[in-house]
N, C-alpha and C. Protein backbone atom coordinates (compact mmCIF):
# COMPACT_ATOMS: atom_id res chain seq x y z
N GLU A 1 -0.47 40.49 -97.13
CA GLU A 1 -1.86 40.34 -96.79
C GLU A 1 -2.09 39.10 -95.96
N TYR A 2 -1.49 37.98 -96.37
CA TYR A 2 -1.68 36.74 -95.62
C TYR A 2 -1.10 36.86 -94.22
N MET A 3 0.08 37.49 -94.13
CA MET A 3 0.71 37.62 -92.83
C MET A 3 -0.16 38.46 -91.90
N ALA A 4 -0.79 39.50 -92.43
CA ALA A 4 -1.60 40.38 -91.60
C ALA A 4 -2.80 39.65 -91.02
N THR A 5 -3.32 38.63 -91.75
CA THR A 5 -4.47 37.90 -91.25
C THR A 5 -4.07 36.84 -90.24
N CYS A 6 -2.78 36.48 -90.20
CA CYS A 6 -2.34 35.41 -89.31
C CYS A 6 -1.73 35.94 -88.02
N ILE A 7 -1.13 37.11 -88.07
CA ILE A 7 -0.49 37.68 -86.89
C ILE A 7 -1.29 38.90 -86.45
N GLY A 8 -1.85 38.81 -85.26
CA GLY A 8 -2.55 39.95 -84.72
C GLY A 8 -1.62 40.87 -83.96
N LEU A 9 -2.07 42.05 -83.68
CA LEU A 9 -1.22 43.00 -82.95
C LEU A 9 -0.84 42.47 -81.57
N ASN A 10 -1.72 41.71 -80.96
CA ASN A 10 -1.43 41.16 -79.63
C ASN A 10 -0.35 40.09 -79.67
N ASP A 11 -0.09 39.54 -80.86
CA ASP A 11 0.93 38.50 -80.99
C ASP A 11 2.33 39.08 -81.14
N ILE A 12 2.43 40.36 -81.48
CA ILE A 12 3.73 40.99 -81.68
C ILE A 12 4.24 41.51 -80.35
N GLU A 13 5.34 40.90 -79.90
CA GLU A 13 5.87 41.28 -78.59
C GLU A 13 6.72 42.53 -78.67
N SER A 14 7.42 42.72 -79.78
CA SER A 14 8.25 43.92 -79.92
C SER A 14 8.53 44.15 -81.40
N TRP A 15 8.84 45.39 -81.75
CA TRP A 15 9.26 45.66 -83.12
C TRP A 15 10.29 46.77 -83.10
N GLU A 16 11.14 46.73 -84.10
CA GLU A 16 12.21 47.72 -84.21
C GLU A 16 12.24 48.26 -85.62
N PHE A 17 12.23 49.56 -85.77
CA PHE A 17 12.25 50.21 -87.07
C PHE A 17 13.69 50.58 -87.44
N ILE A 18 14.16 50.05 -88.58
CA ILE A 18 15.53 50.29 -89.04
C ILE A 18 15.46 51.05 -90.35
N ASP A 19 16.18 52.14 -90.44
CA ASP A 19 16.09 52.97 -91.64
C ASP A 19 17.47 53.46 -92.04
N ASN A 20 17.70 53.49 -93.33
CA ASN A 20 18.86 54.20 -93.86
C ASN A 20 18.54 54.67 -95.26
N ASP A 21 19.46 55.36 -95.90
CA ASP A 21 19.16 56.00 -97.18
C ASP A 21 19.30 55.07 -98.37
N ILE A 22 19.88 53.88 -98.15
CA ILE A 22 20.17 53.02 -99.29
C ILE A 22 19.26 51.80 -99.32
N SER A 23 19.12 51.11 -98.19
CA SER A 23 18.43 49.83 -98.15
C SER A 23 16.94 50.02 -97.96
N PRO A 24 16.15 48.95 -98.21
CA PRO A 24 14.71 49.01 -97.95
C PRO A 24 14.45 49.16 -96.45
N LEU A 25 13.24 49.54 -96.12
CA LEU A 25 12.86 49.60 -94.72
C LEU A 25 12.75 48.18 -94.18
N VAL A 26 13.23 47.96 -92.97
CA VAL A 26 13.22 46.64 -92.35
C VAL A 26 12.54 46.74 -90.99
N TYR A 27 11.58 45.85 -90.74
CA TYR A 27 10.91 45.79 -89.45
C TYR A 27 11.25 44.47 -88.78
N ASP A 28 11.74 44.53 -87.57
CA ASP A 28 12.04 43.33 -86.80
C ASP A 28 10.81 43.00 -85.97
N ILE A 29 10.05 41.98 -86.40
CA ILE A 29 8.84 41.56 -85.70
C ILE A 29 9.18 40.33 -84.87
N THR A 30 9.09 40.46 -83.55
CA THR A 30 9.47 39.38 -82.66
C THR A 30 8.21 38.74 -82.09
N VAL A 31 8.01 37.47 -82.38
CA VAL A 31 6.87 36.72 -81.89
C VAL A 31 7.40 35.50 -81.15
N GLY A 32 7.14 35.43 -79.85
CA GLY A 32 7.62 34.29 -79.08
C GLY A 32 9.11 34.10 -79.15
N ASN A 33 9.87 35.18 -79.06
CA ASN A 33 11.34 35.17 -79.13
C ASN A 33 11.87 34.77 -80.50
N ASN A 34 11.00 34.77 -81.50
CA ASN A 34 11.43 34.43 -82.85
C ASN A 34 11.49 35.70 -83.68
N HIS A 35 12.69 36.06 -84.14
CA HIS A 35 12.86 37.28 -84.90
C HIS A 35 12.52 37.03 -86.38
N ASN A 36 11.59 37.83 -86.90
CA ASN A 36 11.23 37.77 -88.31
C ASN A 36 11.40 39.16 -88.89
N TYR A 37 12.17 39.27 -89.96
CA TYR A 37 12.49 40.57 -90.52
C TYR A 37 11.63 40.80 -91.76
N TYR A 38 10.73 41.78 -91.66
CA TYR A 38 9.85 42.10 -92.78
C TYR A 38 10.47 43.23 -93.59
N LEU A 39 10.69 42.99 -94.87
CA LEU A 39 11.31 43.98 -95.75
C LEU A 39 10.24 44.71 -96.53
N ASP A 40 10.19 46.01 -96.37
CA ASP A 40 9.23 46.85 -97.10
C ASP A 40 9.92 47.37 -98.35
N CYS A 41 9.91 46.54 -99.39
CA CYS A 41 10.64 46.89 -100.61
C CYS A 41 9.80 46.65 -101.85
N GLY A 42 8.48 46.83 -101.72
CA GLY A 42 7.60 46.65 -102.86
C GLY A 42 7.01 45.26 -102.96
N LYS A 43 7.56 44.31 -102.17
CA LYS A 43 7.05 42.96 -102.12
C LYS A 43 6.90 42.55 -100.65
N HIS A 44 6.06 41.55 -100.42
CA HIS A 44 5.88 41.06 -99.04
C HIS A 44 6.94 40.01 -98.78
N ILE A 45 8.02 40.38 -98.11
CA ILE A 45 9.13 39.46 -97.86
C ILE A 45 9.33 39.34 -96.36
N LEU A 46 9.18 38.11 -95.85
CA LEU A 46 9.46 37.83 -94.46
C LEU A 46 10.70 36.94 -94.44
N VAL A 47 11.77 37.42 -93.87
CA VAL A 47 13.07 36.76 -93.97
C VAL A 47 13.10 35.50 -93.13
N HIS A 48 13.61 34.43 -93.73
CA HIS A 48 13.84 33.18 -93.01
C HIS A 48 15.35 33.01 -92.93
N ASN A 49 15.91 33.07 -91.75
CA ASN A 49 17.35 33.23 -91.59
C ASN A 49 18.16 32.16 -92.31
N SER A 50 18.32 30.97 -91.75
CA SER A 50 19.22 29.99 -92.35
C SER A 50 18.48 28.98 -93.21
N GLY A 51 17.17 29.04 -93.26
CA GLY A 51 16.42 28.15 -94.13
C GLY A 51 16.08 26.80 -93.53
N LYS A 52 16.37 26.57 -92.24
CA LYS A 52 16.14 25.26 -91.66
C LYS A 52 14.66 24.89 -91.64
N THR A 53 13.81 25.82 -91.24
CA THR A 53 12.37 25.55 -91.19
C THR A 53 11.81 25.40 -92.59
N TYR A 54 12.17 26.30 -93.47
CA TYR A 54 11.65 26.28 -94.84
C TYR A 54 12.04 24.99 -95.54
N SER A 55 13.28 24.54 -95.34
CA SER A 55 13.76 23.32 -95.98
C SER A 55 12.99 22.09 -95.50
N LEU A 56 12.70 22.04 -94.20
CA LEU A 56 11.93 20.91 -93.67
C LEU A 56 10.53 20.88 -94.25
N LEU A 57 9.91 22.03 -94.40
CA LEU A 57 8.57 22.08 -94.97
C LEU A 57 8.58 21.67 -96.43
N GLN A 58 9.63 22.03 -97.16
CA GLN A 58 9.78 21.56 -98.53
C GLN A 58 9.90 20.04 -98.58
N PHE A 59 10.67 19.49 -97.63
CA PHE A 59 10.83 18.04 -97.54
C PHE A 59 9.49 17.37 -97.27
N PHE A 60 8.67 17.96 -96.39
CA PHE A 60 7.36 17.39 -96.10
C PHE A 60 6.48 17.37 -97.35
N TRP A 61 6.46 18.45 -98.09
CA TRP A 61 5.65 18.50 -99.30
C TRP A 61 6.13 17.48 -100.32
N MET A 62 7.44 17.29 -100.43
CA MET A 62 7.98 16.28 -101.34
C MET A 62 7.50 14.89 -100.94
N ASN A 63 7.53 14.61 -99.64
CA ASN A 63 7.03 13.30 -99.16
C ASN A 63 5.54 13.16 -99.39
N ILE A 64 4.80 14.22 -99.13
CA ILE A 64 3.35 14.16 -99.30
C ILE A 64 2.99 13.87 -100.76
N ALA A 65 3.76 14.44 -101.68
CA ALA A 65 3.48 14.23 -103.11
C ALA A 65 3.83 12.82 -103.57
N ASN A 66 4.76 12.16 -102.88
CA ASN A 66 5.27 10.88 -103.37
C ASN A 66 4.81 9.67 -102.56
N TYR A 67 4.27 9.90 -101.36
CA TYR A 67 3.86 8.79 -100.51
C TYR A 67 2.47 9.06 -99.96
N SER A 68 1.75 7.97 -99.65
CA SER A 68 0.41 8.09 -99.09
C SER A 68 0.33 7.36 -97.76
N GLY A 69 -0.69 7.71 -97.00
CA GLY A 69 -0.95 7.02 -95.75
C GLY A 69 -0.04 7.39 -94.60
N VAL A 70 0.57 8.58 -94.66
CA VAL A 70 1.51 9.00 -93.63
C VAL A 70 0.85 10.09 -92.77
N LYS A 71 1.05 9.99 -91.47
CA LYS A 71 0.55 11.00 -90.54
C LYS A 71 1.71 11.85 -90.05
N TYR A 72 1.59 13.17 -90.24
CA TYR A 72 2.61 14.13 -89.83
C TYR A 72 2.05 15.00 -88.70
N SER A 73 2.92 15.36 -87.77
CA SER A 73 2.55 16.34 -86.75
C SER A 73 3.63 17.41 -86.72
N VAL A 74 3.18 18.66 -86.70
CA VAL A 74 4.07 19.82 -86.59
C VAL A 74 3.69 20.56 -85.33
N VAL A 75 4.63 20.70 -84.41
CA VAL A 75 4.33 21.21 -83.08
C VAL A 75 5.23 22.39 -82.76
N ARG A 76 4.65 23.41 -82.16
CA ARG A 76 5.41 24.49 -81.55
C ARG A 76 4.68 24.89 -80.28
N GLN A 77 5.34 25.54 -79.38
CA GLN A 77 4.74 25.83 -78.08
C GLN A 77 3.47 26.66 -78.20
N SER A 78 3.44 27.61 -79.10
CA SER A 78 2.32 28.54 -79.20
C SER A 78 1.60 28.41 -80.53
N MET A 79 0.28 28.26 -80.50
CA MET A 79 -0.49 28.22 -81.74
C MET A 79 -0.48 29.54 -82.50
N PRO A 80 -0.58 30.71 -81.82
CA PRO A 80 -0.46 31.97 -82.58
C PRO A 80 0.85 32.08 -83.35
N THR A 81 1.94 31.57 -82.77
CA THR A 81 3.21 31.61 -83.47
C THR A 81 3.20 30.66 -84.66
N LEU A 82 2.61 29.49 -84.52
CA LEU A 82 2.45 28.57 -85.65
C LEU A 82 1.69 29.24 -86.78
N LYS A 83 0.60 29.91 -86.43
CA LYS A 83 -0.24 30.55 -87.44
C LYS A 83 0.48 31.71 -88.11
N GLY A 84 1.43 32.30 -87.42
CA GLY A 84 2.12 33.46 -87.98
C GLY A 84 3.42 33.12 -88.68
N THR A 85 3.89 31.88 -88.58
CA THR A 85 5.19 31.54 -89.16
C THR A 85 5.10 30.29 -90.03
N ILE A 86 5.05 29.12 -89.41
CA ILE A 86 5.16 27.86 -90.15
C ILE A 86 3.97 27.63 -91.08
N ILE A 87 2.77 27.86 -90.61
CA ILE A 87 1.60 27.54 -91.44
C ILE A 87 1.57 28.37 -92.72
N PRO A 88 1.81 29.70 -92.68
CA PRO A 88 1.88 30.44 -93.94
C PRO A 88 2.99 29.94 -94.87
N ASP A 89 4.13 29.56 -94.30
CA ASP A 89 5.22 29.01 -95.13
C ASP A 89 4.80 27.70 -95.78
N PHE A 90 4.16 26.84 -95.01
CA PHE A 90 3.70 25.55 -95.54
C PHE A 90 2.71 25.75 -96.67
N VAL A 91 1.78 26.67 -96.47
CA VAL A 91 0.79 26.97 -97.51
C VAL A 91 1.47 27.54 -98.76
N GLU A 92 2.39 28.45 -98.55
CA GLU A 92 3.08 29.10 -99.68
C GLU A 92 3.87 28.09 -100.51
N ILE A 93 4.61 27.21 -99.84
CA ILE A 93 5.41 26.20 -100.55
C ILE A 93 4.51 25.27 -101.33
N GLY A 94 3.44 24.79 -100.68
CA GLY A 94 2.51 23.88 -101.36
C GLY A 94 1.79 24.53 -102.52
N TYR A 95 1.42 25.79 -102.34
CA TYR A 95 0.73 26.52 -103.41
C TYR A 95 1.64 26.72 -104.61
N ASP A 96 2.89 27.14 -104.34
CA ASP A 96 3.85 27.35 -105.43
C ASP A 96 4.16 26.07 -106.18
N ALA A 97 4.10 24.94 -105.48
CA ALA A 97 4.38 23.64 -106.11
C ALA A 97 3.15 23.04 -106.78
N GLY A 98 2.01 23.73 -106.67
CA GLY A 98 0.78 23.22 -107.27
C GLY A 98 0.16 22.07 -106.49
N LEU A 99 0.50 21.94 -105.19
CA LEU A 99 0.03 20.83 -104.38
C LEU A 99 -1.04 21.24 -103.37
N TYR A 100 -0.97 22.48 -102.91
CA TYR A 100 -1.88 22.92 -101.86
C TYR A 100 -3.25 23.30 -102.45
N LYS A 101 -4.31 22.79 -101.80
CA LYS A 101 -5.67 23.18 -102.13
C LYS A 101 -6.35 23.63 -100.84
N GLN A 102 -7.01 24.75 -100.92
CA GLN A 102 -7.65 25.28 -99.72
C GLN A 102 -8.71 24.32 -99.20
N SER A 103 -9.32 23.56 -100.11
CA SER A 103 -10.36 22.61 -99.69
C SER A 103 -9.79 21.45 -98.89
N ASP A 104 -8.47 21.22 -98.99
CA ASP A 104 -7.82 20.16 -98.22
C ASP A 104 -7.44 20.60 -96.82
N HIS A 105 -7.59 21.89 -96.53
CA HIS A 105 -7.07 22.47 -95.30
C HIS A 105 -8.21 22.86 -94.37
N ASN A 106 -8.37 22.14 -93.29
CA ASN A 106 -9.32 22.49 -92.24
C ASN A 106 -8.64 23.52 -91.34
N GLN A 107 -8.94 24.79 -91.55
CA GLN A 107 -8.23 25.83 -90.84
C GLN A 107 -8.71 26.01 -89.40
N THR A 108 -9.84 25.43 -89.06
CA THR A 108 -10.29 25.45 -87.67
C THR A 108 -9.45 24.52 -86.83
N GLU A 109 -9.27 23.29 -87.32
CA GLU A 109 -8.47 22.29 -86.60
C GLU A 109 -7.01 22.31 -87.02
N GLN A 110 -6.69 23.07 -88.06
CA GLN A 110 -5.34 23.12 -88.64
C GLN A 110 -4.85 21.72 -89.02
N ILE A 111 -5.65 21.07 -89.87
CA ILE A 111 -5.33 19.76 -90.41
C ILE A 111 -5.35 19.86 -91.94
N VAL A 112 -4.30 19.35 -92.57
CA VAL A 112 -4.23 19.31 -94.03
C VAL A 112 -4.25 17.85 -94.47
N LYS A 113 -5.17 17.50 -95.36
CA LYS A 113 -5.24 16.15 -95.93
C LYS A 113 -4.95 16.25 -97.41
N ASN A 114 -3.93 15.48 -97.85
CA ASN A 114 -3.49 15.57 -99.23
C ASN A 114 -2.88 14.24 -99.64
N ASN A 115 -3.35 13.69 -100.75
CA ASN A 115 -2.79 12.46 -101.32
C ASN A 115 -2.82 11.30 -100.32
N GLY A 116 -3.87 11.24 -99.51
CA GLY A 116 -4.00 10.16 -98.55
C GLY A 116 -3.17 10.35 -97.29
N ASN A 117 -2.55 11.51 -97.16
CA ASN A 117 -1.75 11.84 -95.98
C ASN A 117 -2.51 12.82 -95.09
N GLU A 118 -2.10 12.91 -93.84
CA GLU A 118 -2.69 13.88 -92.92
C GLU A 118 -1.57 14.59 -92.17
N LEU A 119 -1.61 15.91 -92.21
CA LEU A 119 -0.64 16.72 -91.48
C LEU A 119 -1.40 17.63 -90.54
N ARG A 120 -1.01 17.57 -89.28
CA ARG A 120 -1.72 18.32 -88.24
C ARG A 120 -0.74 19.29 -87.56
N PHE A 121 -1.17 20.54 -87.42
CA PHE A 121 -0.43 21.54 -86.64
C PHE A 121 -1.09 21.68 -85.27
N PHE A 122 -0.31 21.63 -84.22
CA PHE A 122 -0.88 21.90 -82.90
C PHE A 122 0.21 22.44 -81.97
N SER A 123 -0.23 23.00 -80.86
CA SER A 123 0.69 23.66 -79.95
C SER A 123 1.09 22.76 -78.80
N GLY A 124 2.23 23.10 -78.19
CA GLY A 124 2.68 22.36 -77.02
C GLY A 124 1.81 22.58 -75.81
N GLU A 125 0.92 23.54 -75.89
CA GLU A 125 0.00 23.82 -74.79
C GLU A 125 -1.23 22.93 -74.83
N ASP A 126 -1.41 22.21 -75.97
CA ASP A 126 -2.59 21.36 -76.15
C ASP A 126 -2.29 19.96 -75.63
N GLU A 127 -2.45 19.75 -74.33
CA GLU A 127 -2.06 18.49 -73.69
C GLU A 127 -2.86 17.31 -74.24
N GLU A 128 -4.12 17.53 -74.59
CA GLU A 128 -4.95 16.45 -75.11
C GLU A 128 -4.38 15.89 -76.41
N LYS A 129 -3.95 16.78 -77.31
CA LYS A 129 -3.41 16.32 -78.58
C LYS A 129 -2.02 15.70 -78.41
N ILE A 130 -1.26 16.25 -77.48
CA ILE A 130 0.09 15.70 -77.24
C ILE A 130 0.00 14.27 -76.73
N ARG A 131 -0.93 14.01 -75.82
CA ARG A 131 -1.04 12.69 -75.21
C ARG A 131 -1.87 11.72 -76.03
N GLY A 132 -2.70 12.23 -76.93
CA GLY A 132 -3.59 11.34 -77.67
C GLY A 132 -3.23 11.14 -79.12
N ARG A 133 -2.38 11.97 -79.65
CA ARG A 133 -2.05 11.94 -81.06
C ARG A 133 -0.88 11.01 -81.35
N LYS A 134 -1.04 10.10 -82.32
CA LYS A 134 0.05 9.27 -82.80
C LYS A 134 0.41 9.73 -84.21
N GLN A 135 1.68 9.69 -84.54
CA GLN A 135 2.13 10.14 -85.84
C GLN A 135 3.29 9.27 -86.32
N ASP A 136 3.47 9.30 -87.65
CA ASP A 136 4.60 8.61 -88.26
C ASP A 136 5.83 9.51 -88.28
N ILE A 137 5.61 10.78 -88.55
CA ILE A 137 6.71 11.76 -88.63
C ILE A 137 6.35 12.96 -87.76
N LEU A 138 7.31 13.36 -86.94
CA LEU A 138 7.10 14.47 -86.01
C LEU A 138 8.11 15.56 -86.28
N TYR A 139 7.63 16.80 -86.28
CA TYR A 139 8.51 17.96 -86.43
C TYR A 139 8.22 18.95 -85.30
N MET A 140 9.23 19.20 -84.46
CA MET A 140 9.11 20.17 -83.38
C MET A 140 9.88 21.42 -83.75
N ASN A 141 9.18 22.49 -84.00
CA ASN A 141 9.78 23.76 -84.39
C ASN A 141 10.16 24.56 -83.14
N GLU A 142 11.38 25.13 -83.14
CA GLU A 142 11.91 25.79 -81.94
C GLU A 142 11.68 24.90 -80.73
N ALA A 143 12.23 23.69 -80.85
CA ALA A 143 11.96 22.62 -79.89
C ALA A 143 12.20 22.99 -78.43
N PRO A 144 13.27 23.74 -78.08
CA PRO A 144 13.51 24.03 -76.66
C PRO A 144 12.38 24.81 -75.98
N GLU A 145 11.50 25.41 -76.75
CA GLU A 145 10.36 26.10 -76.15
C GLU A 145 9.43 25.11 -75.45
N LEU A 146 9.42 23.85 -75.91
CA LEU A 146 8.52 22.84 -75.36
C LEU A 146 9.06 22.30 -74.05
N GLU A 147 8.15 21.93 -73.16
CA GLU A 147 8.53 21.28 -71.91
C GLU A 147 8.98 19.85 -72.21
N TRP A 148 10.00 19.39 -71.48
CA TRP A 148 10.51 18.05 -71.72
C TRP A 148 9.44 16.99 -71.51
N SER A 149 8.54 17.19 -70.54
CA SER A 149 7.46 16.22 -70.29
C SER A 149 6.58 16.06 -71.53
N ALA A 150 6.32 17.19 -72.24
CA ALA A 150 5.53 17.12 -73.46
C ALA A 150 6.31 16.43 -74.58
N VAL A 151 7.61 16.72 -74.66
CA VAL A 151 8.45 16.09 -75.69
C VAL A 151 8.49 14.58 -75.50
N GLU A 152 8.61 14.11 -74.28
CA GLU A 152 8.62 12.68 -74.01
C GLU A 152 7.36 12.01 -74.54
N GLN A 153 6.21 12.64 -74.30
CA GLN A 153 4.96 12.08 -74.79
C GLN A 153 4.92 12.03 -76.31
N LEU A 154 5.41 13.08 -76.94
CA LEU A 154 5.43 13.12 -78.40
C LEU A 154 6.35 12.04 -78.97
N LEU A 155 7.51 11.85 -78.36
CA LEU A 155 8.45 10.85 -78.84
C LEU A 155 7.88 9.44 -78.69
N PHE A 156 7.21 9.17 -77.58
CA PHE A 156 6.61 7.86 -77.35
C PHE A 156 5.59 7.52 -78.43
N ARG A 157 4.94 8.54 -78.97
CA ARG A 157 3.83 8.34 -79.89
C ARG A 157 4.23 8.54 -81.35
N THR A 158 5.52 8.54 -81.64
CA THR A 158 6.01 8.71 -83.01
C THR A 158 6.67 7.42 -83.47
N SER A 159 6.20 6.86 -84.58
CA SER A 159 6.71 5.57 -85.05
C SER A 159 7.89 5.72 -86.00
N GLY A 160 8.06 6.91 -86.59
CA GLY A 160 9.12 7.08 -87.58
C GLY A 160 10.09 8.18 -87.21
N LYS A 161 10.39 9.01 -88.20
CA LYS A 161 11.41 10.06 -88.04
C LYS A 161 10.92 11.20 -87.14
N VAL A 162 11.88 11.79 -86.43
CA VAL A 162 11.62 12.97 -85.61
C VAL A 162 12.58 14.07 -86.03
N PHE A 163 12.04 15.25 -86.30
CA PHE A 163 12.85 16.41 -86.67
C PHE A 163 12.66 17.50 -85.62
N MET A 164 13.75 18.16 -85.28
CA MET A 164 13.69 19.32 -84.38
C MET A 164 14.53 20.43 -84.99
N ASP A 165 14.11 21.64 -84.79
CA ASP A 165 14.99 22.77 -85.14
C ASP A 165 14.91 23.81 -84.03
N TYR A 166 15.94 24.64 -83.98
CA TYR A 166 15.98 25.69 -82.96
C TYR A 166 17.13 26.62 -83.25
N ASN A 167 17.00 27.83 -82.78
CA ASN A 167 18.11 28.77 -82.77
C ASN A 167 18.90 28.54 -81.48
N PRO A 168 20.22 28.66 -81.54
CA PRO A 168 21.03 28.39 -80.36
C PRO A 168 20.99 29.52 -79.33
N SER A 169 19.80 29.99 -79.04
CA SER A 169 19.64 31.06 -78.07
C SER A 169 19.11 30.53 -76.75
N TYR A 170 19.17 29.20 -76.59
CA TYR A 170 18.71 28.56 -75.38
C TYR A 170 19.92 27.91 -74.70
N PRO A 171 20.63 28.60 -73.81
CA PRO A 171 21.86 28.04 -73.23
C PRO A 171 21.62 26.81 -72.37
N ASP A 172 20.45 26.73 -71.76
CA ASP A 172 20.11 25.58 -70.92
C ASP A 172 18.82 24.95 -71.46
N SER A 173 18.94 23.76 -71.99
CA SER A 173 17.79 23.11 -72.59
C SER A 173 17.96 21.59 -72.51
N TRP A 174 16.84 20.89 -72.48
CA TRP A 174 16.84 19.43 -72.51
C TRP A 174 17.44 18.90 -73.82
N VAL A 175 17.49 19.73 -74.85
CA VAL A 175 18.03 19.28 -76.14
C VAL A 175 19.46 18.77 -75.99
N TYR A 176 20.28 19.49 -75.24
CA TYR A 176 21.70 19.18 -75.15
C TYR A 176 21.96 17.88 -74.39
N ASP A 177 21.23 17.65 -73.31
CA ASP A 177 21.47 16.47 -72.48
C ASP A 177 20.64 15.26 -72.89
N ASN A 178 19.41 15.49 -73.34
CA ASN A 178 18.50 14.37 -73.58
C ASN A 178 18.39 13.96 -75.04
N ILE A 179 18.85 14.80 -75.95
CA ILE A 179 18.71 14.47 -77.38
C ILE A 179 20.06 14.37 -78.08
N LEU A 180 20.88 15.41 -77.98
CA LEU A 180 22.12 15.43 -78.75
C LEU A 180 23.13 14.39 -78.27
N THR A 181 22.93 13.84 -77.09
CA THR A 181 23.84 12.82 -76.58
C THR A 181 23.50 11.42 -77.10
N ARG A 182 22.42 11.28 -77.82
CA ARG A 182 22.01 9.96 -78.31
C ARG A 182 22.80 9.57 -79.55
N PRO A 183 23.17 8.29 -79.69
CA PRO A 183 23.98 7.88 -80.83
C PRO A 183 23.24 7.88 -82.16
N ASN A 184 21.92 7.84 -82.12
CA ASN A 184 21.15 7.78 -83.37
C ASN A 184 20.61 9.14 -83.80
N VAL A 185 21.22 10.21 -83.31
CA VAL A 185 20.78 11.57 -83.65
C VAL A 185 21.78 12.22 -84.60
N ALA A 186 21.27 12.79 -85.68
CA ALA A 186 22.10 13.57 -86.61
C ALA A 186 21.91 15.04 -86.31
N TYR A 187 23.00 15.77 -86.15
CA TYR A 187 22.96 17.19 -85.83
C TYR A 187 23.50 17.98 -87.04
N ILE A 188 22.68 18.90 -87.54
CA ILE A 188 23.05 19.73 -88.67
C ILE A 188 22.97 21.19 -88.25
N ARG A 189 24.07 21.90 -88.39
CA ARG A 189 24.06 23.34 -88.06
C ARG A 189 23.98 24.13 -89.35
N THR A 190 22.97 24.97 -89.46
CA THR A 190 22.81 25.81 -90.65
C THR A 190 23.08 27.27 -90.28
N THR A 191 23.53 28.03 -91.24
CA THR A 191 23.76 29.46 -91.04
C THR A 191 23.15 30.22 -92.21
N PHE A 192 23.30 31.54 -92.17
CA PHE A 192 22.77 32.36 -93.25
C PHE A 192 23.47 32.07 -94.57
N LYS A 193 24.60 31.37 -94.54
CA LYS A 193 25.33 31.06 -95.76
C LYS A 193 24.73 29.89 -96.51
N ALA A 194 23.83 29.14 -95.85
CA ALA A 194 23.29 27.93 -96.45
C ALA A 194 22.27 28.20 -97.55
N PRO A 195 21.21 29.00 -97.32
CA PRO A 195 20.20 29.15 -98.36
C PRO A 195 20.67 30.07 -99.47
N PRO A 196 20.40 29.70 -100.73
CA PRO A 196 20.86 30.52 -101.85
C PRO A 196 20.04 31.79 -102.06
N PHE A 197 18.90 31.91 -101.35
CA PHE A 197 18.02 33.05 -101.58
C PHE A 197 18.26 34.20 -100.62
N VAL A 198 19.34 34.16 -99.83
CA VAL A 198 19.65 35.28 -98.94
C VAL A 198 20.05 36.48 -99.79
N SER A 199 19.38 37.60 -99.58
CA SER A 199 19.59 38.77 -100.41
C SER A 199 20.83 39.56 -99.97
N PRO A 200 21.37 40.41 -100.84
CA PRO A 200 22.48 41.29 -100.42
C PRO A 200 22.11 42.16 -99.23
N ARG A 201 20.86 42.59 -99.15
CA ARG A 201 20.42 43.41 -98.03
C ARG A 201 20.52 42.63 -96.71
N GLN A 202 20.11 41.37 -96.73
CA GLN A 202 20.20 40.55 -95.53
C GLN A 202 21.67 40.31 -95.14
N LEU A 203 22.50 40.08 -96.14
CA LEU A 203 23.93 39.89 -95.86
C LEU A 203 24.53 41.15 -95.25
N ASP A 204 24.10 42.32 -95.73
CA ASP A 204 24.57 43.58 -95.16
C ASP A 204 24.17 43.69 -93.69
N GLU A 205 22.95 43.27 -93.39
CA GLU A 205 22.46 43.36 -92.01
C GLU A 205 23.26 42.43 -91.11
N LEU A 206 23.55 41.23 -91.61
CA LEU A 206 24.34 40.29 -90.81
C LEU A 206 25.78 40.78 -90.63
N GLU A 207 26.31 41.43 -91.64
CA GLU A 207 27.65 42.00 -91.52
C GLU A 207 27.66 43.11 -90.48
N TRP A 208 26.60 43.92 -90.48
CA TRP A 208 26.48 44.96 -89.44
C TRP A 208 26.43 44.32 -88.06
N MET A 209 25.67 43.22 -87.95
CA MET A 209 25.56 42.54 -86.66
C MET A 209 26.90 41.96 -86.24
N ARG A 210 27.66 41.44 -87.20
CA ARG A 210 28.96 40.85 -86.89
C ARG A 210 29.88 41.89 -86.22
N VAL A 211 29.81 43.13 -86.70
CA VAL A 211 30.68 44.19 -86.18
C VAL A 211 30.11 44.81 -84.92
N ASN A 212 28.82 45.03 -84.89
CA ASN A 212 28.21 45.82 -83.82
C ASN A 212 27.50 45.00 -82.74
N ASN A 213 27.17 43.76 -83.05
CA ASN A 213 26.49 42.90 -82.08
C ASN A 213 27.04 41.48 -82.19
N PRO A 214 28.29 41.25 -81.78
CA PRO A 214 28.93 39.95 -81.96
C PRO A 214 28.17 38.79 -81.33
N ALA A 215 27.58 39.03 -80.16
CA ALA A 215 26.84 37.95 -79.49
C ALA A 215 25.63 37.54 -80.33
N GLY A 216 24.91 38.52 -80.85
CA GLY A 216 23.77 38.21 -81.71
C GLY A 216 24.18 37.55 -82.99
N TYR A 217 25.34 37.96 -83.53
CA TYR A 217 25.83 37.37 -84.78
C TYR A 217 26.14 35.88 -84.61
N LEU A 218 26.72 35.51 -83.45
CA LEU A 218 27.02 34.10 -83.20
C LEU A 218 25.75 33.25 -83.22
N VAL A 219 24.65 33.81 -82.69
CA VAL A 219 23.41 33.07 -82.62
C VAL A 219 22.70 33.06 -83.97
N TYR A 220 22.43 34.26 -84.52
CA TYR A 220 21.58 34.34 -85.71
C TYR A 220 22.36 34.27 -87.01
N GLY A 221 23.67 34.52 -86.96
CA GLY A 221 24.47 34.43 -88.16
C GLY A 221 25.18 33.11 -88.31
N LEU A 222 25.75 32.59 -87.22
CA LEU A 222 26.55 31.38 -87.30
C LEU A 222 25.91 30.18 -86.63
N GLY A 223 24.77 30.37 -86.00
CA GLY A 223 24.07 29.25 -85.40
C GLY A 223 24.83 28.60 -84.25
N GLN A 224 25.54 29.41 -83.47
CA GLN A 224 26.34 28.88 -82.36
C GLN A 224 25.72 29.25 -81.01
């Protein structure tokens, strides 16, 4: 239900119906080149591949619960994609932890205030917020989607930690030359083997991809 209110039909670029006699029905919903697999198995399950995004959001909630006076910014190139992916995850994690309150969430401006902290979601297309917003902690989701000029502005205006995540489906990106070459950058590669909540059905799908779509398996299965 929540996903349906956040992702409109115009936001779905493509979908693929996968069916067999044993496994649940699986829908591949692609939004902004981001593959999300919806499992129709009696529950609303949207698959998060290696857990990199989900883990960072858990980390943010842990910090929000334990520290005050921190400004967070979460950025992705497209606001509709933020509303359809990261924001529902952030709400779900906070709600399950007993931390999220709807009254703390300005859904018009996409600002969450909790325990003296402020977390703001905005898109890479919002030049005013990119150039005017200062933050202590910055998180760029699917970072290569952003223009390097926008990233430079965000980095200049961040006083503390910077987090980026991305799928290795961008062969040419500023990430490789302008970020990963820096001595103070930690690089962590996650795969579907990392999160403990990957279901047997998802593992079966990745095994199918390993045999039938090796190039896709390298990207979405092994993070290469």
